[in-house]
């Protein structure tokens, strides 16, 4: 058995991550984004999870599952009328949208369009941006995680020693 003082300190005094995803779902998410974007265009998904407790992803709904034309232009465009299908899925699964994710061709910074057009315009919502069309290997420090504050304002979530932003863990 190995002992890590850093792991112990983080476990005892650290805060929960802003978003947690089980390893199997993380792999499914990356594969789905890569398949849909073919490393040449944006792709994205809604990340669903339980209503209560920390933001923990338990299922994925790719944008083209509610709007088959979402990726047709090379950028993500979702017909607002298709969002009713997402809410139906949430009701059927007794889940909520805990975050959304989409890819960029370069870095994971928010574009002007990302800032001005939140896919879920609800304060507290988390948006994740994966660089390089989700090509692997993907370094966590390159992933962009943003919390919507309302009125088109965002906060970039930055990890610290005692507060990770994204954790791939659990079952």
C-alpha atoms as a PDB file:
ATOM      1  CA  UNK A   1       0.000   0.000   0.000  1.00  0.00           C
ATOM      2  CA  UNK A   2       1.404   3.393  -0.951  1.00  0.00           C
ATOM      3  CA  UNK A   3       0.903   6.562   1.037  1.00  0.00           C
ATOM      4  CA  UNK A   4       0.604  10.010  -0.458  1.00  0.00           C
ATOM      5  CA  UNK A   5       0.533  12.996   1.888  1.00  0.00           C
ATOM      6  CA  UNK A   6      -0.954  15.145  -0.904  1.00  0.00           C
ATOM      7  CA  UNK A   7      -3.779  12.654  -1.509  1.00  0.00           C
ATOM      8  CA  UNK A   8      -4.502  12.499   2.235  1.00  0.00           C
ATOM      9  CA  UNK A   9      -4.569  16.299   2.621  1.00  0.00           C
ATOM     10  CA  UNK A  10      -6.823  16.678  -0.419  1.00  0.00           C
ATOM     11  CA  UNK A  11      -9.193  13.970   0.844  1.00  0.00           C
ATOM     12  CA  UNK A  12      -9.417  15.439   4.347  1.00  0.00           C
ATOM     13  CA  UNK A  13      -9.530  19.139   3.588  1.00  0.00           C
ATOM     14  CA  UNK A  14     -10.242  19.500  -0.094  1.00  0.00           C
ATOM     15  CA  UNK A  15     -13.514  20.435  -1.695  1.00  0.00           C
ATOM     16  CA  UNK A  16     -15.466  18.289  -4.101  1.00  0.00           C
ATOM     17  CA  UNK A  17     -14.731  18.872  -7.761  1.00  0.00           C
ATOM     18  CA  UNK A  18     -17.043  21.134  -9.726  1.00  0.00           C
ATOM     19  CA  UNK A  19     -17.778  18.188 -12.022  1.00  0.00           C
ATOM     20  CA  UNK A  20     -17.116  14.443 -11.624  1.00  0.00           C
ATOM     21  CA  UNK A  21     -17.334  11.840 -14.389  1.00  0.00           C
ATOM     22  CA  UNK A  22     -16.789   8.081 -14.066  1.00  0.00           C
ATOM     23  CA  UNK A  23     -13.904   6.783 -16.231  1.00  0.00           C
ATOM     24  CA  UNK A  24     -16.190   4.662 -18.445  1.00  0.00           C
ATOM     25  CA  UNK A  25     -18.458   7.605 -19.238  1.00  0.00           C
ATOM     26  CA  UNK A  26     -15.414   9.830 -19.855  1.00  0.00           C
ATOM     27  CA  UNK A  27     -14.149   7.347 -22.458  1.00  0.00           C
ATOM     28  CA  UNK A  28     -17.649   7.104 -23.987  1.00  0.00           C
ATOM     29  CA  UNK A  29     -17.858  10.904 -24.122  1.00  0.00           C
ATOM     30  CA  UNK A  30     -14.477  11.313 -25.825  1.00  0.00           C
ATOM     31  CA  UNK A  31     -15.198   8.530 -28.331  1.00  0.00           C
ATOM     32  CA  UNK A  32     -18.614  10.001 -29.154  1.00  0.00           C
ATOM     33  CA  UNK A  33     -17.223  13.500 -29.642  1.00  0.00           C
ATOM     34  CA  UNK A  34     -14.330  12.232 -31.768  1.00  0.00           C
ATOM     35  CA  UNK A  35     -16.641  10.091 -33.900  1.00  0.00           C
ATOM     36  CA  UNK A  36     -19.097  12.913 -34.497  1.00  0.00           C
ATOM     37  CA  UNK A  37     -16.514  15.627 -35.137  1.00  0.00           C
ATOM     38  CA  UNK A  38     -14.039  13.405 -37.002  1.00  0.00           C
ATOM     39  CA  UNK A  39     -11.238  15.672 -35.676  1.00  0.00           C
ATOM     40  CA  UNK A  40     -12.303  18.412 -38.111  1.00  0.00           C
ATOM     41  CA  UNK A  41     -15.441  20.061 -36.734  1.00  0.00           C
ATOM     42  CA  UNK A  42     -17.109  20.855 -33.431  1.00  0.00           C
ATOM     43  CA  UNK A  43     -19.247  18.338 -31.602  1.00  0.00           C
ATOM     44  CA  UNK A  44     -20.913  18.374 -28.216  1.00  0.00           C
ATOM     45  CA  UNK A  45     -23.160  16.776 -25.635  1.00  0.00           C
ATOM     46  CA  UNK A  46     -25.303  17.376 -22.584  1.00  0.00           C
ATOM     47  CA  UNK A  47     -24.021  15.729 -19.411  1.00  0.00           C
ATOM     48  CA  UNK A  48     -26.824  14.507 -17.166  1.00  0.00           C
ATOM     49  CA  UNK A  49     -26.783  13.583 -13.507  1.00  0.00           C
ATOM     50  CA  UNK A  50     -28.798  13.403 -10.297  1.00  0.00           C
ATOM     51  CA  UNK A  51     -30.887  16.322  -9.139  1.00  0.00           C
ATOM     52  CA  UNK A  52     -29.351  16.436  -5.665  1.00  0.00           C
ATOM     53  CA  UNK A  53     -25.801  16.456  -4.423  1.00  0.00           C
ATOM     54  CA  UNK A  54     -22.583  17.270  -6.249  1.00  0.00           C
ATOM     55  CA  UNK A  55     -22.426  17.580 -10.038  1.00  0.00           C
ATOM     56  CA  UNK A  56     -21.824  13.975 -11.009  1.00  0.00           C
ATOM     57  CA  UNK A  57     -22.323  12.790 -14.576  1.00  0.00           C
ATOM     58  CA  UNK A  58     -24.374   9.604 -14.910  1.00  0.00           C
ATOM     59  CA  UNK A  59     -25.385   9.751 -18.591  1.00  0.00           C
ATOM     60  CA  UNK A  60     -24.710  11.556 -21.862  1.00  0.00           C
ATOM     61  CA  UNK A  61     -27.003  12.947 -24.561  1.00  0.00           C
ATOM     62  CA  UNK A  62     -25.073  14.011 -27.666  1.00  0.00           C
ATOM     63  CA  UNK A  63     -26.472  17.086 -29.367  1.00  0.00           C
ATOM     64  CA  UNK A  64     -27.287  15.196 -32.561  1.00  0.00           C
ATOM     65  CA  UNK A  65     -29.444  12.779 -30.564  1.00  0.00           C
ATOM     66  CA  UNK A  66     -31.965  15.584 -30.010  1.00  0.00           C
ATOM     67  CA  UNK A  67     -31.220  17.573 -33.195  1.00  0.00           C
ATOM     68  CA  UNK A  68     -29.842  15.444 -36.055  1.00  0.00           C
ATOM     69  CA  UNK A  69     -28.676  18.614 -37.863  1.00  0.00           C
ATOM     70  CA  UNK A  70     -26.748  20.032 -34.878  1.00  0.00           C
ATOM     71  CA  UNK A  71     -23.321  19.431 -36.455  1.00  0.00           C
ATOM     72  CA  UNK A  72     -24.154  19.967 -40.122  1.00  0.00           C
ATOM     73  CA  UNK A  73     -22.553  23.405 -40.466  1.00  0.00           C
ATOM     74  CA  UNK A  74     -19.195  22.648 -38.813  1.00  0.00           C
ATOM     75  CA  UNK A  75     -20.179  24.636 -35.749  1.00  0.00           C
ATOM     76  CA  UNK A  76     -22.857  23.636 -33.284  1.00  0.00           C
ATOM     77  CA  UNK A  77     -26.344  24.911 -34.042  1.00  0.00           C
ATOM     78  CA  UNK A  78     -29.241  23.418 -32.084  1.00  0.00           C
ATOM     79  CA  UNK A  79     -32.802  24.183 -33.090  1.00  0.00           C
ATOM     80  CA  UNK A  80     -34.462  25.465 -29.914  1.00  0.00           C
ATOM     81  CA  UNK A  81     -37.543  23.421 -30.734  1.00  0.00           C
ATOM     82  CA  UNK A  82     -35.486  20.261 -30.187  1.00  0.00           C
ATOM     83  CA  UNK A  83     -34.763  21.111 -26.556  1.00  0.00           C
ATOM     84  CA  UNK A  84     -38.137  19.636 -25.572  1.00  0.00           C
ATOM     85  CA  UNK A  85     -36.657  16.228 -26.471  1.00  0.00           C
ATOM     86  CA  UNK A  86     -33.819  16.838 -24.008  1.00  0.00           C
ATOM     87  CA  UNK A  87     -36.254  17.717 -21.235  1.00  0.00           C
ATOM     88  CA  UNK A  88     -38.209  14.527 -22.015  1.00  0.00           C
ATOM     89  CA  UNK A  89     -35.027  12.465 -21.663  1.00  0.00           C
ATOM     90  CA  UNK A  90     -34.284  14.191 -18.358  1.00  0.00           C
ATOM     91  CA  UNK A  91     -37.784  13.387 -17.050  1.00  0.00           C
ATOM     92  CA  UNK A  92     -37.556   9.744 -18.208  1.00  0.00           C
ATOM     93  CA  UNK A  93     -34.197   9.277 -16.472  1.00  0.00           C
ATOM     94  CA  UNK A  94     -35.043  11.442 -13.424  1.00  0.00           C
ATOM     95  CA  UNK A  95     -31.901  13.466 -14.146  1.00  0.00           C
ATOM     96  CA  UNK A  96     -30.984  17.079 -14.862  1.00  0.00           C
ATOM     97  CA  UNK A  97     -28.395  18.670 -17.128  1.00  0.00           C
ATOM     98  CA  UNK A  98     -25.361  19.069 -14.846  1.00  0.00           C
ATOM     99  CA  UNK A  99     -23.115  20.446 -17.619  1.00  0.00           C
ATOM    100  CA  UNK A 100     -22.644  20.699 -21.339  1.00  0.00           C
ATOM    101  CA  UNK A 101     -19.503  19.989 -23.313  1.00  0.00           C
ATOM    102  CA  UNK A 102     -18.312  20.875 -26.775  1.00  0.00           C
ATOM    103  CA  UNK A 103     -15.066  20.784 -28.696  1.00  0.00           C
ATOM    104  CA  UNK A 104     -12.905  23.436 -30.300  1.00  0.00           C
ATOM    105  CA  UNK A 105     -10.301  22.929 -32.990  1.00  0.00           C
ATOM    106  CA  UNK A 106      -7.583  24.684 -31.011  1.00  0.00           C
ATOM    107  CA  UNK A 107      -7.448  25.784 -27.396  1.00  0.00           C
ATOM    108  CA  UNK A 108     -10.337  25.421 -24.949  1.00  0.00           C
ATOM    109  CA  UNK A 109     -10.984  29.105 -24.370  1.00  0.00           C
ATOM    110  CA  UNK A 110     -14.499  30.446 -24.733  1.00  0.00           C
ATOM    111  CA  UNK A 111     -15.274  32.051 -28.051  1.00  0.00           C
ATOM    112  CA  UNK A 112     -17.312  35.234 -28.254  1.00  0.00           C
ATOM    113  CA  UNK A 113     -20.183  33.071 -29.504  1.00  0.00           C
ATOM    114  CA  UNK A 114     -19.831  30.717 -26.495  1.00  0.00           C
ATOM    115  CA  UNK A 115     -20.067  33.662 -24.091  1.00  0.00           C
ATOM    116  CA  UNK A 116     -23.016  35.291 -25.844  1.00  0.00           C
ATOM    117  CA  UNK A 117     -25.015  32.099 -26.493  1.00  0.00           C
ATOM    118  CA  UNK A 118     -24.994  29.792 -23.448  1.00  0.00           C
ATOM    119  CA  UNK A 119     -26.616  26.493 -24.332  1.00  0.00           C
ATOM    120  CA  UNK A 120     -28.226  26.483 -20.867  1.00  0.00           C
ATOM    121  CA  UNK A 121     -28.681  30.095 -19.737  1.00  0.00           C
ATOM    122  CA  UNK A 122     -29.193  29.259 -16.079  1.00  0.00           C
ATOM    123  CA  UNK A 123     -26.842  30.784 -13.457  1.00  0.00           C
ATOM    124  CA  UNK A 124     -24.610  28.067 -12.028  1.00  0.00           C
ATOM    125  CA  UNK A 125     -24.628  25.962 -15.196  1.00  0.00           C
ATOM    126  CA  UNK A 126     -21.226  24.507 -16.138  1.00  0.00           C
ATOM    127  CA  UNK A 127     -19.891  24.464 -19.684  1.00  0.00           C
ATOM    128  CA  UNK A 128     -16.848  22.372 -20.576  1.00  0.00           C
ATOM    129  CA  UNK A 129     -14.739  22.950 -23.683  1.00  0.00           C
ATOM    130  CA  UNK A 130     -12.331  20.277 -24.917  1.00  0.00           C
ATOM    131  CA  UNK A 131      -9.415  21.362 -27.125  1.00  0.00           C
ATOM    132  CA  UNK A 132      -8.278  19.895 -30.438  1.00  0.00           C
ATOM    133  CA  UNK A 133     -11.660  18.311 -31.188  1.00  0.00           C
ATOM    134  CA  UNK A 134     -11.202  16.033 -28.127  1.00  0.00           C
ATOM    135  CA  UNK A 135      -8.138  14.343 -29.611  1.00  0.00           C
ATOM    136  CA  UNK A 136      -6.246  12.193 -27.146  1.00  0.00           C
ATOM    137  CA  UNK A 137      -4.110  12.386 -25.175  1.00  0.00           C
ATOM    138  CA  UNK A 138      -6.116  15.113 -23.497  1.00  0.00           C
ATOM    139  CA  UNK A 139      -4.434  17.019 -20.682  1.00  0.00           C
ATOM    140  CA  UNK A 140      -6.778  18.161 -17.899  1.00  0.00           C
ATOM    141  CA  UNK A 141      -4.992  21.496 -17.616  1.00  0.00           C
ATOM    142  CA  UNK A 142      -6.041  22.209 -21.220  1.00  0.00           C
ATOM    143  CA  UNK A 143      -9.756  21.574 -20.579  1.00  0.00           C
ATOM    144  CA  UNK A 144     -11.840  24.719 -20.177  1.00  0.00           C
ATOM    145  CA  UNK A 145     -14.488  24.669 -17.450  1.00  0.00           C
ATOM    146  CA  UNK A 146     -16.778  27.686 -17.082  1.00  0.00           C
ATOM    147  CA  UNK A 147     -19.641  28.529 -14.718  1.00  0.00           C
ATOM    148  CA  UNK A 148     -22.440  30.714 -16.059  1.00  0.00           C
ATOM    149  CA  UNK A 149     -23.140  33.691 -13.791  1.00  0.00           C
ATOM    150  CA  UNK A 150     -26.087  35.107 -15.728  1.00  0.00           C
ATOM    151  CA  UNK A 151     -26.404  38.106 -18.032  1.00  0.00           C
ATOM    152  CA  UNK A 152     -23.786  36.597 -20.383  1.00  0.00           C
ATOM    153  CA  UNK A 153     -21.076  36.623 -17.693  1.00  0.00           C
ATOM    154  CA  UNK A 154     -18.920  33.580 -16.982  1.00  0.00           C
ATOM    155  CA  UNK A 155     -16.349  32.500 -14.427  1.00  0.00           C
ATOM    156  CA  UNK A 156     -13.469  30.314 -15.580  1.00  0.00           C
ATOM    157  CA  UNK A 157     -13.095  27.514 -13.036  1.00  0.00           C
ATOM    158  CA  UNK A 158      -9.447  26.987 -12.144  1.00  0.00           C
ATOM    159  CA  UNK A 159      -8.184  24.053 -10.127  1.00  0.00           C
ATOM    160  CA  UNK A 160      -6.145  24.456  -6.976  1.00  0.00           C
ATOM    161  CA  UNK A 161      -4.420  22.034  -4.644  1.00  0.00           C
ATOM    162  CA  UNK A 162      -7.534  21.579  -2.511  1.00  0.00           C
ATOM    163  CA  UNK A 163     -10.185  22.209  -5.163  1.00  0.00           C
ATOM    164  CA  UNK A 164     -10.142  20.242  -8.394  1.00  0.00           C
ATOM    165  CA  UNK A 165     -12.484  21.428 -11.122  1.00  0.00           C
ATOM    166  CA  UNK A 166     -12.865  18.130 -12.977  1.00  0.00           C
ATOM    167  CA  UNK A 167     -12.358  14.648 -11.609  1.00  0.00           C
ATOM    168  CA  UNK A 168     -12.559  11.391 -13.528  1.00  0.00           C
ATOM    169  CA  UNK A 169     -13.494   9.020 -10.744  1.00  0.00           C
ATOM    170  CA  UNK A 170     -16.162   6.723  -9.371  1.00  0.00           C
ATOM    171  CA  UNK A 171     -18.272   4.017 -10.925  1.00  0.00           C
END
